[in-house]
Structures are given as C-alpha cells and as structure tokens.
Protein backbone atom coordinates (compact mmCIF):
# COMPACT_ATOMS: atom_id res chain seq x y z
CA MET A 1 59.83 -42.58 58.00
CA LEU A 2 59.54 -38.71 58.22
CA ARG A 3 58.65 -38.80 61.82
CA ASN A 4 61.51 -40.98 62.71
CA TYR A 5 63.63 -38.75 60.90
CA TYR A 6 62.52 -35.74 63.04
CA LYS A 7 63.14 -38.00 66.35
CA LEU A 8 66.67 -38.71 65.16
CA LEU A 9 67.37 -35.01 64.80
CA ASN A 10 65.76 -34.29 68.39
CA LEU A 11 68.06 -36.81 69.66
CA LEU A 12 71.17 -35.34 67.99
CA ASN A 13 70.05 -31.82 69.46
CA LEU A 14 70.09 -33.32 72.90
CA TYR A 15 73.56 -34.60 72.51
CA SER A 16 74.65 -31.25 71.27
CA ARG A 17 73.26 -29.67 74.42
CA PHE A 18 75.65 -31.63 76.57
CA GLY A 19 78.79 -30.54 74.60
CA ARG A 20 79.01 -33.67 72.28
CA CYS A 21 80.43 -33.28 68.90
CA ASN A 22 77.44 -33.22 66.38
CA PRO A 23 78.64 -33.37 62.73
CA LEU A 24 74.86 -32.99 61.64
CA SER A 25 74.44 -29.63 63.53
CA PRO A 26 73.74 -27.41 60.48
CA LEU A 27 70.90 -29.82 59.81
CA LEU A 28 69.17 -29.29 63.09
CA ILE A 29 66.15 -27.37 61.93
CA TYR A 30 63.77 -29.75 64.28
CA ASN A 31 60.27 -29.44 63.59
CA PRO A 32 59.68 -27.92 60.23
CA MET A 33 56.43 -26.27 61.20
CA THR A 34 57.87 -23.97 63.97
CA MET A 35 57.64 -20.48 62.96
CA HIS A 36 60.14 -19.13 65.28
CA PHE A 37 62.11 -15.70 64.40
CA ALA A 38 65.47 -17.28 65.09
CA THR A 39 64.57 -20.31 62.86
CA VAL A 40 63.02 -18.20 60.04
CA TRP A 41 66.00 -15.87 59.89
CA GLU A 42 68.45 -18.81 59.87
CA HIS A 43 66.65 -20.28 56.92
CA ILE A 44 66.86 -17.04 55.19
CA ALA A 45 70.62 -16.70 56.13
CA ARG A 46 71.10 -20.00 54.33
CA ALA A 47 68.85 -19.06 51.31
CA VAL A 48 70.37 -15.71 50.50
CA PRO A 49 73.87 -15.59 52.42
CA ASP A 50 75.19 -12.69 50.38
CA GLN A 51 72.40 -10.46 50.46
CA ILE A 52 72.63 -7.47 52.71
CA ALA A 53 70.44 -7.93 56.13
CA ILE A 54 71.33 -4.91 58.13
CA ALA A 55 73.06 -1.54 57.42
CA HIS A 56 73.95 1.32 59.52
CA GLY A 57 75.27 4.27 57.84
CA PRO A 58 78.29 2.81 55.89
CA VAL A 59 78.40 -0.47 57.81
CA GLN A 60 76.72 -3.25 55.86
CA ARG A 61 76.41 -6.85 56.97
CA THR A 62 75.36 -9.87 54.74
CA TRP A 63 72.75 -12.53 56.10
CA SER A 64 75.49 -14.84 56.37
CA ASP A 65 77.56 -12.33 58.55
CA TYR A 66 74.51 -11.43 60.41
CA GLU A 67 73.70 -14.96 61.38
CA ASP A 68 77.28 -15.62 62.20
CA ARG A 69 77.59 -12.60 64.77
CA ALA A 70 74.23 -13.45 66.29
CA ALA A 71 75.38 -17.04 66.77
CA ARG A 72 78.48 -15.92 68.57
CA ILE A 73 76.35 -13.95 70.66
CA ALA A 74 74.01 -16.68 71.47
CA THR A 75 77.24 -18.75 72.78
CA ALA A 76 78.28 -15.85 75.02
CA LEU A 77 74.69 -15.69 76.66
CA THR A 78 74.75 -19.45 77.11
CA ASP A 79 78.49 -19.56 78.47
CA ALA A 80 77.22 -16.94 81.07
CA GLY A 81 74.66 -19.06 82.40
CA LEU A 82 71.47 -17.73 80.54
CA GLY A 83 69.01 -20.22 79.45
CA HIS A 84 65.43 -20.79 77.94
CA ASN A 85 63.42 -17.46 78.52
CA SER A 86 66.00 -15.85 80.20
CA LYS A 87 65.89 -11.98 79.81
CA VAL A 88 68.54 -9.95 77.74
CA ALA A 89 68.15 -6.10 78.00
CA ILE A 90 68.91 -4.10 75.21
CA LEU A 91 69.98 -0.47 75.82
CA LEU A 92 70.96 0.74 72.52
CA HIS A 93 70.33 3.43 69.95
CA ASN A 94 69.22 2.10 66.36
CA SER A 95 72.08 0.19 65.04
CA ASN A 96 73.27 -3.01 63.47
CA GLU A 97 74.25 -4.10 66.97
CA TYR A 98 70.66 -3.92 68.29
CA LEU A 99 69.45 -6.27 65.71
CA GLU A 100 72.30 -8.70 66.19
CA VAL A 101 71.62 -8.85 69.88
CA GLN A 102 68.01 -9.56 69.62
CA PHE A 103 68.71 -12.24 67.02
CA GLY A 104 71.40 -13.88 69.12
CA THR A 105 69.12 -13.88 72.11
CA MET A 106 66.29 -15.58 70.32
CA LYS A 107 68.75 -17.94 68.89
CA MET A 108 69.39 -19.54 72.27
CA ARG A 109 65.69 -19.38 73.14
CA ALA A 110 66.08 -16.45 75.63
CA CYS A 111 63.81 -13.31 75.45
CA PRO A 112 65.10 -9.95 74.28
CA VAL A 113 63.97 -6.79 76.43
CA ASN A 114 63.83 -3.47 74.92
CA VAL A 115 64.92 -0.68 77.04
CA ASN A 116 64.14 3.14 76.69
CA TYR A 117 67.70 4.73 76.23
CA ARG A 118 65.98 7.87 77.68
CA TYR A 119 65.65 6.44 81.09
CA LEU A 120 67.90 7.79 83.90
CA ALA A 121 69.33 5.31 86.63
CA SER A 122 66.32 4.99 88.76
CA GLU A 123 64.00 4.22 85.73
CA LEU A 124 66.62 1.71 84.30
CA LEU A 125 66.72 -0.05 87.79
CA TYR A 126 62.95 -0.51 87.82
CA LEU A 127 62.72 -1.83 84.39
CA LEU A 128 65.79 -4.05 84.51
CA ASP A 129 64.42 -5.45 88.03
CA ASN A 130 60.96 -5.76 86.73
CA ALA A 131 61.92 -7.71 83.70
CA ASP A 132 64.42 -10.04 85.76
CA ALA A 133 67.18 -9.28 83.46
CA GLU A 134 70.17 -11.55 83.39
CA ALA A 135 72.31 -9.65 80.79
CA VAL A 136 72.48 -6.09 79.54
CA PHE A 137 73.97 -4.86 76.17
CA PHE A 138 74.31 -1.02 76.32
CA GLN A 139 75.56 1.93 74.60
CA ALA A 140 78.78 3.10 76.02
CA CYS A 141 77.44 6.74 76.58
CA TYR A 142 75.04 5.10 79.09
CA ALA A 143 77.88 3.41 81.10
CA ASP A 144 77.55 5.68 84.09
CA ARG A 145 73.70 5.03 84.44
CA ILE A 146 74.83 1.43 84.48
CA HIS A 147 77.53 1.75 86.76
CA GLN A 148 75.33 3.55 89.30
CA ILE A 149 72.85 0.48 89.63
CA ARG A 150 75.24 -2.53 88.95
CA ASP A 151 75.30 -3.25 92.62
CA GLN A 152 71.54 -3.43 92.91
CA LEU A 153 71.08 -5.87 89.96
CA PRO A 154 72.01 -9.16 91.62
CA GLN A 155 70.56 -11.23 88.66
CA VAL A 156 72.79 -9.91 86.01
CA LYS A 157 75.34 -12.23 84.93
CA LEU A 158 76.74 -10.36 81.86
CA LEU A 159 77.31 -6.80 81.02
CA VAL A 160 78.36 -5.79 77.40
CA GLN A 161 79.31 -2.39 76.11
CA ILE A 162 78.93 -1.46 72.50
CA ASP A 163 81.76 1.14 71.65
CA ASP A 164 80.45 4.52 70.61
CA GLY A 165 83.73 6.51 71.21
CA THR A 166 82.76 7.89 74.53
CA GLY A 167 84.99 5.79 76.97
CA GLU A 168 86.31 2.19 77.90
CA PRO A 169 84.34 -0.31 79.84
CA PHE A 170 84.50 -0.27 83.40
CA ALA A 171 85.45 -3.55 85.48
CA GLY A 172 83.30 -6.32 84.95
CA VAL A 173 81.99 -5.18 81.60
CA GLU A 174 82.75 -6.96 78.29
CA ASP A 175 83.56 -5.20 75.01
CA TYR A 176 80.81 -5.99 72.35
CA GLU A 177 83.39 -6.82 69.43
CA THR A 178 85.76 -8.73 71.62
CA LEU A 179 82.94 -10.65 72.77
CA ILE A 180 82.06 -11.62 69.23
CA ALA A 181 85.44 -12.38 68.26
CA GLY A 182 86.11 -14.49 71.38
CA ASN A 183 83.15 -17.08 70.94
CA ALA A 184 82.51 -19.51 68.37
CA PRO A 185 79.06 -19.61 66.56
CA MET A 186 76.37 -21.67 68.50
CA ALA A 187 74.89 -24.33 66.28
CA PRO A 188 70.96 -24.24 65.77
CA VAL A 189 68.92 -25.71 68.58
CA GLU A 190 65.34 -26.93 68.89
CA ARG A 191 62.98 -24.01 69.62
CA ALA A 192 59.35 -23.93 70.17
CA ASP A 193 56.41 -21.76 69.23
CA ASP A 194 55.70 -20.62 72.62
CA ASP A 195 59.13 -19.33 73.45
CA LEU A 196 58.76 -16.04 75.15
CA TYR A 197 58.74 -12.90 73.24
CA MET A 198 58.34 -9.66 75.27
CA LEU A 199 58.02 -6.00 74.56
CA TYR A 200 57.81 -3.32 77.18
CA THR A 201 55.27 -0.53 76.95
CA GLY A 202 56.56 3.25 76.74
CA GLY A 203 54.96 3.77 79.92
CA THR A 204 52.81 6.71 78.66
CA THR A 205 49.95 5.55 80.90
CA GLY A 206 51.72 4.37 83.95
CA MET A 207 54.75 2.25 84.71
CA PRO A 208 56.18 0.30 81.80
CA LYS A 209 54.84 -3.14 81.47
CA GLY A 210 56.21 -6.21 79.74
CA VAL A 211 53.60 -7.41 77.18
CA MET A 212 54.37 -11.30 76.78
CA TYR A 213 53.80 -12.91 73.41
CA ASN A 214 54.47 -16.50 72.04
CA ASN A 215 57.39 -16.08 69.90
CA GLY A 216 55.95 -18.32 66.95
CA GLU A 217 52.50 -16.52 67.10
CA MET A 218 54.24 -12.97 66.79
CA CYS A 219 56.47 -14.54 63.93
CA ARG A 220 53.36 -15.69 61.86
CA PHE A 221 51.58 -12.39 62.58
CA LEU A 222 54.60 -10.29 61.28
CA MET A 223 54.46 -12.30 58.07
CA ALA A 224 51.90 -9.72 57.11
CA GLY A 225 54.52 -8.15 54.93
CA TYR A 226 53.66 -10.67 52.27
CA GLY A 227 50.10 -10.05 52.29
CA ILE A 228 50.45 -6.31 52.20
CA ARG A 229 52.44 -7.09 48.94
CA GLY A 230 49.65 -9.27 47.50
CA LEU A 231 52.08 -12.52 47.83
CA PRO A 232 51.12 -15.75 49.51
CA VAL A 233 51.94 -15.98 53.32
CA PRO A 234 54.64 -18.75 53.83
CA GLU A 235 53.64 -21.27 56.49
CA THR A 236 56.81 -22.98 57.36
CA PRO A 237 60.63 -21.78 57.63
CA ALA A 238 61.29 -23.68 54.39
CA GLU A 239 58.50 -21.71 52.46
CA VAL A 240 59.81 -18.57 53.75
CA ALA A 241 63.40 -19.38 52.32
CA ALA A 242 61.93 -20.32 48.84
CA ALA A 243 59.78 -16.95 48.95
CA VAL A 244 62.64 -14.84 49.81
CA ARG A 245 64.82 -16.43 47.12
CA GLN A 246 62.22 -15.46 44.59
CA LEU A 247 61.89 -12.11 45.89
CA HIS A 248 65.59 -11.41 45.57
CA GLU A 249 65.67 -13.10 42.04
CA GLN A 250 62.78 -10.37 41.10
CA ARG A 251 64.73 -7.67 42.86
CA LEU A 252 61.56 -7.03 45.12
CA ALA A 253 63.05 -7.78 48.48
CA PRO A 254 62.33 -4.62 50.50
CA ARG A 255 65.01 -2.06 51.98
CA SER A 256 63.33 -0.89 55.00
CA LEU A 257 64.55 2.27 56.64
CA VAL A 258 63.52 2.70 60.24
CA ALA A 259 62.96 6.40 61.14
CA CYS A 260 61.72 5.67 64.72
CA PRO A 261 63.53 3.99 67.62
CA LEU A 262 63.80 0.23 67.21
CA MET A 263 63.36 -0.01 71.18
CA HIS A 264 59.56 0.62 70.32
CA GLY A 265 57.02 -1.67 68.69
CA THR A 266 56.36 0.47 65.57
CA GLY A 267 60.14 0.71 64.78
CA MET A 268 60.81 -3.13 65.70
CA TRP A 269 57.83 -4.81 64.45
CA ILE A 270 56.93 -2.82 61.40
CA GLY A 271 60.44 -1.51 60.42
CA GLY A 272 62.55 -4.45 61.52
CA MET A 273 61.12 -7.57 61.87
CA THR A 274 58.36 -7.52 59.28
CA PRO A 275 60.87 -6.73 56.33
CA HIS A 276 63.28 -9.41 57.88
CA ASN A 277 60.79 -11.92 57.50
CA LEU A 278 60.74 -11.00 53.79
CA GLY A 279 64.53 -11.46 53.70
CA GLY A 280 65.07 -7.69 53.07
CA THR A 281 67.63 -5.20 54.45
CA VAL A 282 66.79 -3.04 57.62
CA CYS A 283 68.63 0.31 57.48
CA THR A 284 69.01 2.44 60.37
CA ILE A 285 70.38 6.21 60.64
CA PRO A 286 73.30 7.16 62.86
CA ASN A 287 71.82 10.37 63.94
CA LEU A 288 70.06 10.07 67.31
CA LYS A 289 67.99 13.22 66.88
CA PHE A 290 65.23 12.92 64.11
CA ASP A 291 66.23 15.24 61.22
CA PRO A 292 63.97 14.94 58.16
CA ASP A 293 66.61 16.37 55.70
CA VAL A 294 69.04 13.37 56.74
CA LEU A 295 66.07 11.07 56.76
CA TRP A 296 65.39 11.94 52.72
CA ASP A 297 69.11 12.05 52.21
CA THR A 298 69.15 8.44 53.42
CA VAL A 299 66.09 7.26 51.59
CA GLU A 300 67.92 8.66 48.32
CA SER A 301 71.29 7.15 49.35
CA VAL A 302 70.04 3.61 50.16
CA ARG A 303 67.22 3.48 47.77
CA ALA A 304 64.85 2.72 50.40
CA THR A 305 61.61 0.91 49.36
CA ASP A 306 59.85 0.94 52.81
CA LEU A 307 59.86 3.70 55.44
CA THR A 308 58.62 3.41 59.26
CA ILE A 309 57.62 6.64 60.81
CA VAL A 310 55.13 7.65 63.68
CA GLY A 311 52.22 9.57 62.30
CA ASP A 312 52.25 13.45 61.89
CA ALA A 313 55.10 13.74 64.55
CA PHE A 314 57.48 12.61 61.81
CA ALA A 315 55.36 13.16 58.69
CA ARG A 316 54.83 16.81 58.99
CA PRO A 317 58.49 17.88 59.17
CA MET A 318 59.08 15.26 56.50
CA LEU A 319 56.75 17.12 54.05
CA ARG A 320 57.81 20.36 54.98
CA ALA A 321 61.47 19.45 54.11
CA LEU A 322 60.05 17.90 50.76
CA GLU A 323 58.34 21.41 49.99
CA ASN A 324 61.49 23.39 50.88
CA ALA A 325 63.71 21.21 48.79
CA GLU A 326 61.33 21.65 45.96
CA MET A 327 61.11 25.41 46.31
CA MET A 328 64.96 25.68 46.42
CA GLY A 329 65.08 23.62 43.22
CA ARG A 330 66.99 20.59 44.82
CA PRO A 331 64.54 17.99 45.13
CA TRP A 332 65.37 14.44 46.57
CA ASP A 333 65.04 11.32 44.33
CA ILE A 334 62.65 9.30 46.41
CA SER A 335 61.46 7.22 43.50
CA SER A 336 62.54 4.16 45.22
CA LEU A 337 60.07 4.51 47.99
CA LYS A 338 57.01 2.49 47.54
CA LEU A 339 55.62 2.16 51.22
CA ILE A 340 55.47 4.15 54.18
CA VAL A 341 54.04 2.74 57.11
CA SER A 342 52.90 4.45 60.62
CA SER A 343 51.53 3.26 63.83
CA GLY A 344 51.14 4.73 67.31
CA VAL A 345 49.75 8.53 66.80
CA MET A 346 47.54 10.42 64.50
CA TRP A 347 48.49 10.72 60.82
CA THR A 348 46.28 13.15 59.09
CA ALA A 349 44.80 12.87 55.71
CA GLU A 350 46.04 16.46 54.84
CA THR A 351 49.62 15.32 55.49
CA LYS A 352 49.37 11.89 53.78
CA GLN A 353 47.92 14.05 50.69
CA GLY A 354 50.97 16.24 50.70
CA LEU A 355 53.43 13.43 50.67
CA LEU A 356 51.70 11.65 47.82
CA ARG A 357 52.38 14.92 45.78
CA PHE A 358 55.96 13.78 45.89
CA GLY A 359 55.76 10.19 45.10
CA ASP A 360 53.51 7.23 43.91
CA MET A 361 53.47 5.33 47.23
CA THR A 362 51.20 3.55 49.39
CA LEU A 363 50.62 4.85 52.69
CA PHE A 364 49.71 2.21 55.35
CA ASP A 365 48.27 3.53 58.71
CA ALA A 366 48.23 0.64 61.23
CA MET A 367 46.16 1.32 64.26
CA GLY A 368 47.50 -0.70 66.99
CA SER A 369 49.39 -0.71 70.40
CA THR A 370 51.76 -2.83 72.07
CA GLU A 371 48.86 -4.83 73.22
CA GLY A 372 47.54 -5.75 69.91
CA SER A 373 46.44 -4.78 66.25
CA MET A 374 43.11 -3.45 65.61
CA GLY A 375 42.70 -2.02 62.06
CA SER A 376 44.29 -0.22 59.23
CA SER A 377 44.08 2.41 56.75
CA VAL A 378 45.60 2.37 53.20
CA THR A 379 45.80 5.69 51.39
CA THR A 380 47.32 5.95 47.46
CA ARG A 381 46.89 8.62 44.98
CA ASP A 382 43.67 7.07 43.86
CA SER A 383 42.09 6.41 47.36
CA LEU A 384 42.30 9.07 50.00
CA ASN A 385 40.86 8.13 53.34
CA ARG A 386 39.69 10.38 56.32
CA THR A 387 41.92 11.10 59.49
CA ALA A 388 41.54 8.43 62.19
CA GLY A 389 39.32 6.20 59.79
CA PHE A 390 40.20 2.58 59.80
CA ALA A 391 39.03 -0.70 58.55
CA MET A 392 38.89 -3.21 61.17
CA ASN A 393 40.61 -6.31 61.32
CA GLU A 394 38.50 -9.31 60.86
CA THR A 395 39.10 -10.33 64.60
CA THR A 396 38.19 -6.76 65.98
CA ARG A 397 35.24 -5.53 67.95
CA VAL A 398 34.10 -2.51 69.50
CA PHE A 399 31.99 -3.08 72.91
CA THR A 400 30.03 -0.54 74.97
CA GLU A 401 30.94 -0.31 78.61
CA ASP A 402 28.00 -2.75 79.43
CA GLY A 403 29.33 -5.44 77.16
CA ARG A 404 27.36 -4.87 74.04
CA LEU A 405 28.79 -4.69 70.58
CA VAL A 406 28.42 -1.17 69.19
CA THR A 407 25.89 -1.02 66.36
CA PRO A 408 27.19 0.43 63.12
CA GLY A 409 26.09 3.86 62.56
CA SER A 410 24.53 4.16 65.98
CA GLY A 411 26.82 7.05 67.13
CA GLU A 412 27.79 4.98 70.28
CA ILE A 413 31.23 5.12 71.48
CA GLY A 414 32.74 1.80 72.72
CA MET A 415 36.07 0.30 73.44
CA ILE A 416 38.07 -1.46 70.75
CA ALA A 417 38.90 -5.18 71.46
CA ALA A 418 41.51 -6.71 69.43
CA GLY A 419 41.41 -10.30 68.69
CA GLY A 420 43.72 -12.66 66.70
CA ASN A 421 47.33 -12.24 68.02
CA VAL A 422 46.39 -11.54 71.49
CA PRO A 423 49.38 -11.43 74.05
CA VAL A 424 49.90 -14.06 76.78
CA GLY A 425 49.63 -11.27 79.39
CA TYR A 426 51.61 -8.45 81.13
CA TYR A 427 54.93 -9.94 82.89
CA LYS A 428 54.65 -10.31 86.63
CA ASP A 429 51.11 -8.53 86.72
CA PRO A 430 48.18 -11.02 86.70
CA GLU A 431 45.65 -8.35 88.06
CA LYS A 432 46.45 -5.88 85.05
CA SER A 433 46.44 -8.98 82.62
CA ALA A 434 43.06 -10.09 83.72
CA ARG A 435 41.63 -6.53 83.01
CA THR A 436 43.32 -6.08 79.79
CA PHE A 437 43.09 -9.50 78.18
CA ARG A 438 39.51 -10.95 78.42
CA THR A 439 37.54 -13.80 76.80
CA ILE A 440 34.06 -12.77 75.58
CA ASP A 441 31.78 -15.50 73.99
CA GLY A 442 34.72 -17.85 73.83
CA GLN A 443 36.88 -15.36 71.86
CA ARG A 444 39.89 -13.91 73.57
CA TYR A 445 40.67 -10.06 73.07
CA SER A 446 42.99 -7.43 74.00
CA PHE A 447 41.51 -4.21 75.36
CA PRO A 448 44.41 -1.59 75.05
CA GLY A 449 42.12 1.22 76.23
CA ASP A 450 41.36 2.76 72.99
CA TYR A 451 37.81 4.14 72.25
CA ALA A 452 36.04 4.42 68.92
CA ARG A 453 32.77 4.95 66.99
CA VAL A 454 31.60 2.16 64.43
CA GLU A 455 30.41 3.89 61.23
CA ALA A 456 27.51 2.71 59.23
CA ASP A 457 29.90 1.15 56.63
CA GLY A 458 31.76 -0.99 59.36
CA SER A 459 34.90 1.12 59.41
CA ILE A 460 35.63 2.79 62.80
CA THR A 461 36.71 6.38 63.76
CA LEU A 462 39.46 6.23 66.50
CA LEU A 463 38.72 8.56 68.96
CA GLY A 464 41.70 8.10 71.43
CA ARG A 465 42.90 6.45 74.65
CA GLY A 466 40.60 6.52 77.45
CA SER A 467 42.96 7.15 80.07
CA MET A 468 43.60 10.65 78.32
CA CYS A 469 39.75 11.28 77.95
CA ILE A 470 38.57 14.79 79.36
CA ASN A 471 35.36 14.72 81.40
CA THR A 472 33.93 18.26 81.34
CA ALA A 473 30.55 18.79 82.65
CA GLY A 474 29.74 15.12 82.08
CA GLU A 475 30.82 15.16 78.53
CA LYS A 476 33.73 13.16 77.13
CA VAL A 477 36.20 14.91 75.17
CA PHE A 478 39.02 12.84 73.39
CA PRO A 479 42.14 14.92 73.11
CA GLU A 480 42.96 13.48 69.53
CA GLU A 481 39.89 15.07 68.05
CA VAL A 482 40.62 18.42 69.20
CA GLU A 483 44.34 18.20 68.31
CA GLU A 484 43.36 17.14 64.80
CA SER A 485 41.20 20.21 64.43
CA ILE A 486 43.88 22.60 65.59
CA LYS A 487 46.68 21.12 63.52
CA ARG A 488 44.55 21.81 60.34
CA ILE A 489 44.95 25.52 60.95
CA PRO A 490 47.76 27.02 58.57
CA GLY A 491 50.74 27.93 60.51
CA ILE A 492 50.46 25.24 63.46
CA GLU A 493 53.24 23.14 63.86
CA ASP A 494 52.00 20.80 66.51
CA ALA A 495 49.40 20.66 69.60
CA LEU A 496 48.40 18.64 72.56
CA VAL A 497 45.21 18.82 74.36
CA VAL A 498 44.71 18.24 78.07
CA GLY A 499 42.13 18.51 80.71
CA VAL A 500 43.02 20.85 83.93
CA PRO A 501 41.01 20.89 87.01
CA ASP A 502 37.77 23.00 87.18
CA GLU A 503 35.64 23.63 90.15
CA ARG A 504 32.46 23.89 88.08
CA PHE A 505 32.86 21.42 85.36
CA GLY A 506 35.21 19.04 86.67
CA GLU A 507 37.83 19.55 83.94
CA ARG A 508 38.17 22.09 81.42
CA VAL A 509 39.83 21.55 77.94
CA TRP A 510 43.18 23.40 77.49
CA ALA A 511 45.48 23.35 74.42
CA VAL A 512 49.21 23.57 74.30
CA VAL A 513 50.21 24.74 70.75
CA ALA A 514 53.40 25.48 68.90
CA LEU A 515 53.54 27.44 65.63
CA HIS A 516 55.70 27.07 62.50
CA PRO A 517 58.77 29.51 62.45
CA ASN A 518 57.80 33.00 61.43
CA GLU A 519 54.05 32.24 61.51
CA GLN A 520 51.47 34.21 63.51
CA VAL A 521 48.39 32.64 64.85
CA THR A 522 46.09 34.12 67.44
CA GLU A 523 44.03 32.52 70.21
CA ASP A 524 41.01 33.81 68.64
CA GLN A 525 41.83 32.29 65.09
CA ILE A 526 42.12 29.00 66.82
CA GLN A 527 39.07 29.11 68.92
CA SER A 528 37.16 30.36 65.68
CA HIS A 529 38.31 27.49 63.66
CA CYS A 530 37.64 24.79 66.28
CA ARG A 531 34.10 26.32 66.72
CA SER A 532 33.52 25.53 62.95
CA GLU A 533 34.35 21.91 63.34
CA LEU A 534 33.73 20.69 67.01
CA ALA A 535 30.91 20.79 69.46
CA GLY A 536 31.06 23.77 71.91
CA TYR A 537 31.96 21.65 75.04
CA LYS A 538 35.04 20.35 73.03
CA LEU A 539 36.45 23.93 72.47
CA PRO A 540 39.64 24.71 74.06
CA ARG A 541 39.06 27.16 77.32
CA GLY A 542 42.63 28.14 77.37
CA ILE A 543 45.56 27.97 74.88
CA VAL A 544 49.30 28.00 75.82
CA MET A 545 51.79 29.09 73.16
CA VAL A 546 55.07 27.05 73.28
CA PRO A 547 58.32 26.92 71.25
CA GLN A 548 58.00 23.32 70.61
CA VAL A 549 55.47 20.63 71.61
CA ARG A 550 57.26 17.93 73.79
CA ARG A 551 57.10 14.40 72.31
CA ALA A 552 59.09 11.07 73.12
CA ALA A 553 61.61 9.80 70.62
CA ASN A 554 58.88 7.52 69.23
CA GLY A 555 56.65 10.55 68.56
CA LYS A 556 54.29 9.75 71.30
CA PRO A 557 52.84 12.79 73.12
CA ASP A 558 53.97 13.90 76.58
CA TYR A 559 50.59 14.45 77.98
CA GLN A 560 52.16 14.94 81.73
CA TRP A 561 54.31 17.92 80.31
CA ALA A 562 51.35 19.22 78.40
CA ARG A 563 49.24 19.14 81.55
CA ASP A 564 51.86 20.73 83.76
CA THR A 565 52.48 23.44 81.16
CA ALA A 566 48.68 24.45 81.02
CA LEU A 567 48.70 24.17 84.83
CA ALA A 568 51.52 26.56 85.09
CA ALA A 569 49.56 29.00 82.91
CA LEU A 570 46.35 29.22 84.97
C-alpha cells in the first residue's frame, strides 16, 4: 500500500512538471528517505514556519519566508531554461540573499557554484566558463566585472543583480527583488540523493577546481551538528522535522554567526548548512572586512550560540579585542556562546586557552579541506589539547609514499587519506580526480595533500600541505610547524614561512613576520626562540618584517605573496 502511495505521488509530480494543475503539490515529498538539502529544509520550514532562519543585520526572515523566496527563485531559474544539475554562480558577500539563492537553486535540482568575490574579470571568466554557469547572481558593486565578460559567456541565460546601493542593473540584467516579486513559488519536485552539489576550491595550490559531491551524501554528512550536541542523528527528512520541533520547544536550536565568508567551505558547511539542518538561524554581518569588535558586538546582540571562524587568523584578533575590552572595563556579554568551530588553518592551543578565559565554551577544531574531512580536536576548560593534534575520523588513514599504513608512534611522516564522505571527483578534470580520489584495499579515499605523523595514542599531528613543503638539503620542512613556533613569541602578530631558492641547499627557510602594534621583536630573538623548539634545519635563515601578513578573506595564507616578499628582500 505504501509503495503504491509513493508511486501515485511520483505520477502527480510528473503531471506537475508539464504544467498541469496539481492540488496535492504541497504533499509531493516523494521518497521519504531522500536526504537532499532542499527537501530537508522544506520539511523544517513546515515544522517551524515562524522561527527565524536567516538574519543579516536588522533584516530577519522566518523559515516560511525563506522557503517562499527560495521557491520563487527556483521558478525564475526554471523559466530561464535551467534544469537538472545546471550551474548557478553566486558572486555575493555574506548575506540573506546568498543563502536564498543557494536554497532556490537546490529546490529545482540545479547546482550552486560559489564564486570568490575578490576575483577580477579574467579570473571570473575562467571560473564561470569552467563551471558551465547558466545563471549568475552578483552583488551590484561587481557589475562592471560581469559587464566586461558578459559577451564571453554564451551559456549564461540569466543575470541577476542584488542591489547594494552602488548602481542600477545594466541592460539584460534583472533586479533580485523584482525577480522574486514577479515569480510564483515553485511547488516541491522529486529529487535524488545523487543530485550534484559542488564547491570550488580557493585556488591556493593552483587554479580553482570544482569538487563534486552527491547532494544527499553531503546533507547526511552535515547532520554532524546533532552528534556534536550529543543528539540522535535523524535519518529521514521527517525525523529532521520532528527533531527540529523539539529543539525549538526546548530553546536549543542554534543561532549561528558566520564570521568567515560563505563562499568557502568552512563558512558555508559549518556556519551555514550544519546549523540549518538543526533548524537554526544563520546570522551574517554586513561588514565585509573582518573586525573583531564588530564580531563581538554581533555575538552579544544576536545572542549567538555558535560561531564559525578560521583559526588564529580570526581567533588571535578576537582574543586581543576581548582582552582590551576587559582592560577598559567594558567587556562584552558573550555568555550565550557555547560553541566556536574552526577549520582550514592553524588554531593554536595558546589562543584557545585565552578564549576559554572569557567563556565556558567548546572549541571544535575541524581538520579538513574542500576535498574531505579528516579529523577533529575538541577543547574545553577541562580538556586542553596540543596545537595541530587531532583525533582521526574512523575512516581516516595515513599512508607512506610507498603505500604502507604509518605505524603509530613510529615517527614516520605520511599523507592523510580521508574516507567516508568522499567527493565524486573534480569537475571536468578526470586526471586530477584519479590522483586525488583513490581506492585502496576496496576503500575509497580522498588525498587532499596534507601530511601528518601518527602518534602512539592513535592521534595525528598535522604537519601541513605537501605542496608548501620546503626541501632544504634533502630535509622536509613544513611551514606550519615553523609558523606555530614563531607565533608563540610575545609581540608577534602573524607569520608565514616559505622556501626561497638556494644554490647549495636547493631551498632555504625564510619567514615573513608582522608584529603587534608598538611591539619590538628582533630577528635574533626570533632565531633564538625557534632554536629552542625546532631542529636546526628548520630555522628561518632570513626574516622579513612587514606591517601586515597578507591572507585571503577566509584566513588562508597567501604563500605566493610571502614568497615574493622574501625574494624581494634577498
């Protein structure tokens, strides 16, 4: 009987696709086991329609409004000729609109594509062409860049501009709010677990690449928020809806504040999608430039429970702001904050310990990349962990270069292999896919390029990305290890370590260092400190002092800039 019922719903769906009136369209939830982001969020919108789903500054939208606006975007995309797995590029700052466009894209089974808003016209052209984008939603302040390349994007069928006060749309471009007002909401459609979901890498180790996932597998993976909170993990959209109702009844639904860009995996996956799967609110900050004072103001005003950052690049300025506010007798009330999650770059034990002095929080350090999750480190006031030390996921392994598993406690260095939620591959790059996503002994793994040691207790010490490894006189030096040592010196604000060419040793270790304002640290002090912690071949042979270390908006280091800076000082 149940099987026949779902056959009936599928037939009704087919009729609705051909434009026939379908009075049962709100019931078209199709296969009750499909854990597709759009399906899960539709269930949540029905379960808690009046709860706040997204908030950007003073602009808040309930789950009902959020779902309705996304459904109108889905209609506009469909009417423009986009279909299953069509690519929709999102060139937006953190905002409600970013999340609405992503939701609407998934609703009609298309694939959202994240676009770095720092890209100039030529870089945008590469990514939009590589992604086969058929629609582009963009911030008005980037209209000139889109206009420059418009004629070189023959596949693009729809351009939509989000008004930010910087100008009117040019010819052939639709206004975002006009588009939403002018389209009726699209009824739910049948979706599948293997609908495409894709996130482009930041391009820190080459040209940006689209990492492909199955939508359903990614959605299940990002149900991890339940497990982190010690709750049963729902297995169906209906179970999600029931769990979300209970969380709201108990006032336990998260209010997530995303401090880093949604255009990168850390911000979207941890700060956006994971709390959304819990029926929570995703809050974003209007300021484009990271400002720790504004961040803490927002934590206090929205009563954030969760905060997503990117390692020390965010945490060190945040800690300094807390210390300054305390010293001035005007501390922030951050008592609502229960969880800070970071991923992507180093988050040192000293910085974590400093943050815990201001709040009884859990600090969750996720080790992963766009290509997969590898491990985690959980720090509380009662449990302090070492820097770069992680508990491996059950599906994570560390292999030597000749394919052996690294023996715990052996001191060997190996490449981390992430199992579990492994990507389908890189979009339009089968050769790179074959090198990165490999099967060993019947188990499929992702090899993002990170190296580690396996300690005697089974934990791993992350050493860094192999592509950044410095080879000096036959010895391998991972920049992160040297950077960590330098940043422990009082007065050091930030540091990047690179290799520069050397006739005798192949490469030599150089450091590019920024100091705290009004601090004095000499090169001899840096050398002396590093000598007390590191082997001699790892010591920086040259040090360049700069006003500020350059990093991307997501906190990732700009090693090319650091290398150019070091070379200019030779």
